[in-house]
Protein backbone atom coordinates (compact mmCIF):
# COMPACT_ATOMS: atom_id res chain seq x y z
CA MET A 1 -51.90 -1.79 -60.41
CA THR A 2 -48.91 -1.78 -58.21
CA ASP A 3 -45.48 -0.79 -59.33
CA PRO A 4 -43.04 -3.81 -59.12
CA GLY A 5 -40.15 -1.44 -58.34
CA ALA A 6 -42.01 0.05 -55.40
CA GLU A 7 -42.67 -3.40 -54.00
CA ARG A 8 -38.98 -4.29 -54.23
CA ASN A 9 -38.06 -1.05 -52.52
CA HIS A 10 -40.61 -1.77 -49.77
CA GLU A 11 -39.24 -5.28 -49.28
CA THR A 12 -35.63 -4.03 -49.18
CA THR A 13 -36.47 -1.30 -46.62
CA LYS A 14 -38.19 -3.98 -44.48
CA LYS A 15 -35.09 -6.16 -44.70
CA ARG A 16 -32.86 -3.23 -43.85
CA ASN A 17 -34.95 -2.28 -40.87
CA HIS A 18 -35.09 -5.89 -39.71
CA GLU A 19 -31.25 -6.15 -40.02
CA LYS A 20 -30.81 -2.84 -38.13
CA THR A 21 -33.06 -3.97 -35.28
CA LYS A 22 -31.23 -7.32 -35.15
CA ARG A 23 -27.88 -5.55 -35.04
CA ARG A 24 -29.08 -3.30 -32.28
CA LYS A 25 -30.25 -6.25 -30.24
CA ASP A 26 -26.95 -8.02 -30.77
CA GLU A 27 -25.02 -4.86 -29.78
CA LYS A 28 -27.14 -4.46 -26.65
CA SER A 29 -26.55 -8.05 -25.61
CA LYS A 30 -22.85 -7.68 -26.33
CA MET A 31 -22.77 -4.45 -24.26
CA SER A 32 -24.45 -6.13 -21.34
CA LYS A 33 -21.97 -8.98 -21.48
CA ILE A 34 -19.14 -6.54 -21.63
CA ASP A 35 -20.55 -4.60 -18.74
CA LYS A 36 -20.75 -7.72 -16.66
CA GLN A 37 -17.30 -8.87 -17.71
CA GLY A 38 -16.08 -5.30 -17.13
CA LYS A 39 -17.19 -5.31 -13.52
CA ARG A 40 -15.52 -8.67 -13.00
CA GLY A 41 -12.52 -7.53 -14.91
CA ARG A 42 -12.18 -4.42 -12.83
CA ALA A 43 -12.43 -6.44 -9.65
CA THR A 44 -9.76 -8.88 -10.78
CA ALA A 45 -7.55 -6.03 -11.97
CA ARG A 46 -7.94 -4.42 -8.57
CA LYS A 47 -6.91 -7.67 -6.89
CA VAL A 48 -3.92 -7.96 -9.16
CA ARG A 49 -2.84 -4.35 -8.47
CA ARG A 50 -3.27 -4.87 -4.75
CA ALA A 51 -1.18 -8.07 -4.83
CA ALA A 52 1.53 -6.33 -6.84
CA ARG A 53 1.56 -3.38 -4.38
CA ILE A 54 1.91 -5.76 -1.47
CA ALA A 55 4.66 -7.64 -3.29
CA ASP A 56 6.45 -4.37 -4.09
CA ALA A 57 6.23 -3.24 -0.46
CA PRO A 58 9.70 -2.85 0.99
CA ALA A 59 10.78 -5.78 3.06
CA THR A 60 11.97 -5.39 6.60
CA GLN A 61 14.91 -7.58 7.44
CA VAL A 62 14.42 -8.65 11.07
CA THR A 63 17.19 -10.32 13.00
CA VAL A 64 16.58 -11.60 16.52
CA THR A 65 19.33 -12.22 19.01
CA PHE A 66 18.68 -14.26 22.17
CA ARG A 67 20.91 -13.76 25.19
CA HIS A 68 20.65 -16.20 28.09
CA VAL A 69 17.57 -17.67 26.48
CA GLU A 70 16.93 -20.73 24.41
CA PRO A 71 16.02 -19.47 20.90
CA THR A 72 12.55 -20.58 19.99
CA ASP A 73 10.94 -20.36 16.55
CA ALA A 74 7.70 -19.08 18.09
CA LEU A 75 9.41 -16.02 19.56
CA ARG A 76 11.40 -15.43 16.38
CA LEU A 77 8.32 -15.64 14.17
CA TYR A 78 6.26 -13.45 16.53
CA ALA A 79 9.01 -10.77 16.45
CA GLU A 80 9.28 -10.96 12.61
CA ARG A 81 5.53 -10.59 12.28
CA LYS A 82 5.45 -7.57 14.66
CA PHE A 83 8.29 -5.69 13.03
CA ALA A 84 7.41 -6.50 9.39
CA HIS A 85 5.10 -3.48 9.18
CA VAL A 86 7.99 -1.09 9.94
CA GLY A 87 9.10 -1.02 6.32
CA LYS A 88 5.57 -0.15 5.21
CA LEU A 89 5.51 2.84 7.55
CA ILE A 90 8.69 4.43 6.14
CA LYS A 91 8.11 3.04 2.62
CA ARG A 92 11.75 2.00 2.34
CA PRO A 93 13.60 -1.18 2.95
CA CYS A 94 14.96 -1.30 6.48
CA GLN A 95 16.74 -3.52 8.95
CA ALA A 96 15.45 -4.23 12.49
CA HIS A 97 17.72 -5.84 15.02
CA LEU A 98 16.01 -7.19 18.17
CA ILE A 99 17.92 -8.31 21.23
CA LEU A 100 16.01 -10.33 23.84
CA THR A 101 17.69 -10.91 27.16
CA VAL A 102 16.57 -12.79 30.28
CA ASP A 103 18.17 -12.20 33.75
CA LYS A 104 16.41 -14.28 36.39
CA TYR A 105 12.91 -12.82 36.43
CA ARG A 106 13.66 -9.78 34.25
CA GLN A 107 12.90 -10.03 30.52
CA HIS A 108 14.58 -7.16 28.61
CA GLY A 109 14.36 -6.24 24.97
CA GLU A 110 16.16 -3.70 22.74
CA VAL A 111 15.44 -2.91 19.13
CA THR A 112 17.29 -0.83 16.57
CA VAL A 113 15.72 0.02 13.27
CA LYS A 114 17.98 1.38 10.45
CA SER A 115 16.97 2.69 7.09
CA GLY A 116 19.35 4.90 5.19
CA ARG A 117 20.29 7.70 7.64
CA LEU A 118 17.27 7.05 9.87
CA LEU A 119 18.01 5.23 13.13
CA VAL A 120 15.32 4.47 15.68
CA SER A 121 15.97 2.59 18.86
CA ALA A 122 13.81 1.50 21.89
CA GLN A 123 14.26 -0.49 25.07
CA GLU A 124 11.64 -2.20 27.22
CA GLU A 125 11.58 -4.46 30.27
CA THR A 126 8.68 -6.61 31.60
CA LYS A 127 8.04 -10.10 32.97
CA ASP A 128 7.06 -11.63 29.56
CA LEU A 129 9.08 -11.69 26.28
CA TYR A 130 5.95 -11.49 24.16
CA SER A 131 4.83 -8.33 25.94
CA VAL A 132 8.37 -6.91 25.50
CA ILE A 133 8.10 -7.49 21.74
CA ASP A 134 4.62 -5.86 21.67
CA LEU A 135 5.79 -2.77 23.57
CA LEU A 136 8.88 -2.41 21.46
CA ALA A 137 6.85 -2.58 18.26
CA ASP A 138 4.48 0.12 19.63
CA LYS A 139 7.35 2.39 20.63
CA VAL A 140 9.18 2.05 17.32
CA GLY A 141 5.91 2.62 15.40
CA HIS A 142 5.13 5.77 17.38
CA GLN A 143 8.66 7.09 16.84
CA LEU A 144 8.51 6.50 13.14
CA LYS A 145 5.08 8.11 12.81
CA LYS A 146 6.37 11.12 14.73
CA HIS A 147 9.39 11.33 12.44
CA LEU A 148 7.24 11.17 9.29
CA GLU A 149 4.83 13.78 10.61
CA LYS A 150 7.73 16.21 10.98
CA PHE A 151 8.40 15.98 7.25
CA LYS A 152 4.73 16.31 6.40
CA ALA A 153 4.43 19.37 8.60
CA LYS A 154 7.35 21.17 6.97
CA LYS A 155 6.00 24.14 5.03
CA VAL A 156 7.68 25.98 2.23
CA ARG A 157 8.68 29.43 3.53
CA SER A 158 7.49 32.50 1.65
CA PRO A 159 10.28 34.87 0.63
CA SER A 160 11.17 37.60 3.10
CA THR A 161 10.35 41.23 2.43
CA PRO A 162 13.86 42.27 1.34
CA GLN A 163 13.94 39.37 -1.11
CA VAL A 164 10.59 40.43 -2.61
CA LEU A 165 11.65 44.05 -2.91
CA SER A 166 15.03 43.15 -4.56
CA ALA A 167 13.21 40.93 -6.99
CA GLY A 168 10.84 43.80 -7.89
CA GLU A 169 13.74 46.17 -8.49
CA GLU A 170 15.50 43.72 -10.80
CA THR A 171 12.49 43.48 -13.11
């Protein structure tokens, strides 16, 4: 004869095991859904962070002055687009003032970029105003990069020998 208590225990252990395996399957399916959503979530979070970083980037205020030339929106927009990256280089808000002049066949351009104490200026002259703007943007970019490299290259000096010896005597 079989013991009725043993049969109940056997049935309850079967039920428990079945419930455990069912829970494990549910957890695995949930984990795979979370993993898939996690990758998508990370990608969207990355996009949001990138958009915020671009929005937080310091704006460059570009003013364009035309001398002896009809002011055109195309030239103004081109200059603003070319000098917009200057603020990103120095990571501070800055102002760029561009002066475009035409004298007969001579197209001349000057630019002054100010940001705090920093002042960078450049002049260029060619036969085309668009190329003047390109050359000025290159010159200013090169000057700013050179300026920033000076600060990166600065090293902390080690103390001189008399300073080290006097510090040793004090202790």
